[in-house]
Amino acid sequence: MSEKENEEWIEKTVICPDCVRGRTVHWKENKSGKHPWRYHLPCTTCKGQYETVISQPKYCQIDDCDGLVEHKCTGYLCMGDGWVCAAHWLEEDIGFSQTGYACITCWHEVGSGGH
């Protein structure tokens, strides 16, 4: 793969997983004992935007890999921005990440790889 292909960035639309069209449902108890009533507020995660466009590399940032990007590692040990393909996205078992997964670089560095 050429260096130019490896640096190619694309725009991707991301949908907020915490809301429906930018709003979240809340319930308020009714003082008279009747059913609670429903109301909607803007989502605090996406601030009511629902869809956002992010820039990400097209190809995995692990050296000598030409897989398409599927995940972004939030670890602080990543090379580049931590964008990796599915083959370099591994489950970790020591609580390093909130999702339970990390890129192969962080996975090895924090000891999930067995050292």
C-alpha atoms as a PDB file:
ATOM      1  CA  MET A   1       0.000   0.000   0.000  1.00  0.00           C
ATOM      2  CA  SER A   2       1.343   3.433  -0.864  1.00  0.00           C
ATOM      3  CA  GLU A   3       1.901   6.117   1.747  1.00  0.00           C
ATOM      4  CA  LYS A   4      -0.792   8.252   0.066  1.00  0.00           C
ATOM      5  CA  GLU A   5      -3.437   5.514   0.449  1.00  0.00           C
ATOM      6  CA  ASN A   6      -2.463   4.997   4.082  1.00  0.00           C
ATOM      7  CA  GLU A   7      -3.080   8.679   4.841  1.00  0.00           C
ATOM      8  CA  GLU A   8      -6.461   8.912   3.088  1.00  0.00           C
ATOM      9  CA  TRP A   9      -9.179  10.271   5.380  1.00  0.00           C
ATOM     10  CA  ILE A  10     -12.917   9.965   4.880  1.00  0.00           C
ATOM     11  CA  GLU A  11     -16.000  11.517   6.454  1.00  0.00           C
ATOM     12  CA  LYS A  12     -18.335   9.207   8.345  1.00  0.00           C
ATOM     13  CA  THR A  13     -21.767   9.924   9.820  1.00  0.00           C
ATOM     14  CA  VAL A  14     -22.126   8.747  13.416  1.00  0.00           C
ATOM     15  CA  ILE A  15     -25.561   8.324  15.023  1.00  0.00           C
ATOM     16  CA  CYS A  16     -25.893   8.933  18.765  1.00  0.00           C
ATOM     17  CA  PRO A  17     -26.664   5.658  20.585  1.00  0.00           C
ATOM     18  CA  ASP A  18     -28.244   7.404  23.581  1.00  0.00           C
ATOM     19  CA  CYS A  19     -31.255   9.126  22.008  1.00  0.00           C
ATOM     20  CA  VAL A  20     -33.993   9.090  19.385  1.00  0.00           C
ATOM     21  CA  ARG A  21     -33.543  11.884  16.850  1.00  0.00           C
ATOM     22  CA  GLY A  22     -31.690  14.039  19.387  1.00  0.00           C
ATOM     23  CA  ARG A  23     -34.178  13.739  22.230  1.00  0.00           C
ATOM     24  CA  THR A  24     -34.413  11.536  25.307  1.00  0.00           C
ATOM     25  CA  VAL A  25     -37.593  10.409  27.053  1.00  0.00           C
ATOM     26  CA  HIS A  26     -38.146  11.287  30.711  1.00  0.00           C
ATOM     27  CA  TRP A  27     -41.028  10.466  33.019  1.00  0.00           C
ATOM     28  CA  LYS A  28     -42.487  12.615  35.774  1.00  0.00           C
ATOM     29  CA  GLU A  29     -44.554  11.118  38.553  1.00  0.00           C
ATOM     30  CA  ASN A  30     -48.080  12.444  38.881  1.00  0.00           C
ATOM     31  CA  LYS A  31     -48.867  13.611  42.418  1.00  0.00           C
ATOM     32  CA  SER A  32     -52.468  12.427  42.280  1.00  0.00           C
ATOM     33  CA  GLY A  33     -51.408   8.792  41.801  1.00  0.00           C
ATOM     34  CA  LYS A  34     -52.309   8.655  38.136  1.00  0.00           C
ATOM     35  CA  HIS A  35     -49.960   7.393  35.475  1.00  0.00           C
ATOM     36  CA  PRO A  36     -46.705   9.361  35.130  1.00  0.00           C
ATOM     37  CA  TRP A  37     -46.442  11.692  32.163  1.00  0.00           C
ATOM     38  CA  ARG A  38     -43.784  11.584  29.509  1.00  0.00           C
ATOM     39  CA  TYR A  39     -41.704  14.514  28.290  1.00  0.00           C
ATOM     40  CA  HIS A  40     -38.675  14.891  26.028  1.00  0.00           C
ATOM     41  CA  LEU A  41     -35.421  16.794  26.517  1.00  0.00           C
ATOM     42  CA  PRO A  42     -32.461  17.318  24.176  1.00  0.00           C
ATOM     43  CA  CYS A  43     -29.875  14.550  24.510  1.00  0.00           C
ATOM     44  CA  THR A  44     -26.905  15.510  26.666  1.00  0.00           C
ATOM     45  CA  THR A  45     -24.543  13.169  24.795  1.00  0.00           C
ATOM     46  CA  CYS A  46     -25.015  14.683  21.328  1.00  0.00           C
ATOM     47  CA  LYS A  47     -26.556  18.002  22.459  1.00  0.00           C
ATOM     48  CA  GLY A  48     -29.625  17.323  20.316  1.00  0.00           C
ATOM     49  CA  GLN A  49     -27.689  16.865  17.059  1.00  0.00           C
ATOM     50  CA  TYR A  50     -28.385  13.081  16.717  1.00  0.00           C
ATOM     51  CA  GLU A  51     -26.041  12.702  13.731  1.00  0.00           C
ATOM     52  CA  THR A  52     -22.513  14.063  13.575  1.00  0.00           C
ATOM     53  CA  VAL A  53     -19.918  13.844  10.838  1.00  0.00           C
ATOM     54  CA  ILE A  54     -16.403  12.847  11.857  1.00  0.00           C
ATOM     55  CA  SER A  55     -13.197  12.486   9.869  1.00  0.00           C
ATOM     56  CA  GLN A  56     -11.388   9.190  10.141  1.00  0.00           C
ATOM     57  CA  PRO A  57      -8.664   7.419   8.204  1.00  0.00           C
ATOM     58  CA  LYS A  58      -9.862   4.942   5.603  1.00  0.00           C
ATOM     59  CA  TYR A  59      -7.224   2.320   6.388  1.00  0.00           C
ATOM     60  CA  CYS A  60      -5.977   0.746   9.620  1.00  0.00           C
ATOM     61  CA  GLN A  61      -3.150   2.684  11.259  1.00  0.00           C
ATOM     62  CA  ILE A  62      -1.191  -0.408  12.263  1.00  0.00           C
ATOM     63  CA  ASP A  63       1.947  -0.725  10.116  1.00  0.00           C
ATOM     64  CA  ASP A  64       1.679  -3.057   7.110  1.00  0.00           C
ATOM     65  CA  CYS A  65      -2.112  -3.439   7.426  1.00  0.00           C
ATOM     66  CA  ASP A  66      -4.481  -2.464   4.624  1.00  0.00           C
ATOM     67  CA  GLY A  67      -7.744  -3.311   6.423  1.00  0.00           C
ATOM     68  CA  LEU A  68     -10.549  -0.763   6.471  1.00  0.00           C
ATOM     69  CA  VAL A  69     -11.049   1.161   9.708  1.00  0.00           C
ATOM     70  CA  GLU A  70     -13.848  -0.054  11.986  1.00  0.00           C
ATOM     71  CA  HIS A  71     -12.898   1.056  15.524  1.00  0.00           C
ATOM     72  CA  LYS A  72     -11.221   3.942  17.352  1.00  0.00           C
ATOM     73  CA  CYS A  73      -9.251   3.076  20.446  1.00  0.00           C
ATOM     74  CA  THR A  74      -9.448   5.604  23.282  1.00  0.00           C
ATOM     75  CA  GLY A  75      -6.292   4.315  24.943  1.00  0.00           C
ATOM     76  CA  TYR A  76      -3.360   6.639  25.456  1.00  0.00           C
ATOM     77  CA  LEU A  77      -0.747   4.192  24.145  1.00  0.00           C
ATOM     78  CA  CYS A  78      -1.917   4.160  20.512  1.00  0.00           C
ATOM     79  CA  MET A  79       0.179   5.144  17.585  1.00  0.00           C
ATOM     80  CA  GLY A  80      -1.520   7.879  15.548  1.00  0.00           C
ATOM     81  CA  ASP A  81      -5.153   8.300  16.521  1.00  0.00           C
ATOM     82  CA  GLY A  82      -5.780   4.627  17.299  1.00  0.00           C
ATOM     83  CA  TRP A  83      -8.015   3.895  14.304  1.00  0.00           C
ATOM     84  CA  VAL A  84      -7.854   0.150  13.564  1.00  0.00           C
ATOM     85  CA  CYS A  85      -9.527  -2.615  11.553  1.00  0.00           C
ATOM     86  CA  ALA A  86     -11.465  -5.508  13.114  1.00  0.00           C
ATOM     87  CA  ALA A  87      -8.375  -7.756  13.059  1.00  0.00           C
ATOM     88  CA  HIS A  88      -6.482  -5.326  15.316  1.00  0.00           C
ATOM     89  CA  TRP A  89      -9.397  -4.709  17.738  1.00  0.00           C
ATOM     90  CA  LEU A  90      -9.115  -7.106  20.673  1.00  0.00           C
ATOM     91  CA  GLU A  91     -11.027  -7.838  23.853  1.00  0.00           C
ATOM     92  CA  GLU A  92      -9.036  -6.943  26.946  1.00  0.00           C
ATOM     93  CA  ASP A  93      -9.673  -8.447  30.347  1.00  0.00           C
ATOM     94  CA  ILE A  94      -7.959  -6.109  32.819  1.00  0.00           C
ATOM     95  CA  GLY A  95     -10.305  -3.101  32.770  1.00  0.00           C
ATOM     96  CA  PHE A  96      -8.061  -0.811  30.714  1.00  0.00           C
ATOM     97  CA  SER A  97     -10.888   0.503  28.521  1.00  0.00           C
ATOM     98  CA  GLN A  98     -14.517   1.360  29.220  1.00  0.00           C
ATOM     99  CA  THR A  99     -15.745  -0.812  26.343  1.00  0.00           C
ATOM    100  CA  GLY A 100     -13.645  -3.877  27.182  1.00  0.00           C
ATOM    101  CA  TYR A 101     -11.831  -3.637  23.842  1.00  0.00           C
ATOM    102  CA  ALA A 102      -8.576  -1.979  22.782  1.00  0.00           C
ATOM    103  CA  CYS A 103      -6.351  -1.727  19.738  1.00  0.00           C
ATOM    104  CA  ILE A 104      -3.577  -4.295  19.489  1.00  0.00           C
ATOM    105  CA  THR A 105      -0.939  -1.711  20.506  1.00  0.00           C
ATOM    106  CA  CYS A 106      -2.664  -0.865  23.798  1.00  0.00           C
ATOM    107  CA  TRP A 107      -3.641  -4.507  24.299  1.00  0.00           C
ATOM    108  CA  HIS A 108       0.020  -5.563  24.285  1.00  0.00           C
ATOM    109  CA  GLU A 109       1.239  -2.590  26.307  1.00  0.00           C
ATOM    110  CA  VAL A 110      -1.195  -3.000  29.215  1.00  0.00           C
ATOM    111  CA  GLY A 111      -0.552  -6.721  29.574  1.00  0.00           C
ATOM    112  CA  SER A 112      -3.648  -8.281  28.067  1.00  0.00           C
ATOM    113  CA  GLY A 113      -1.319  -9.966  25.603  1.00  0.00           C
ATOM    114  CA  GLY A 114       0.173 -12.101  28.352  1.00  0.00           C
ATOM    115  CA  HIS A 115       3.347 -10.226  29.322  1.00  0.00           C
END
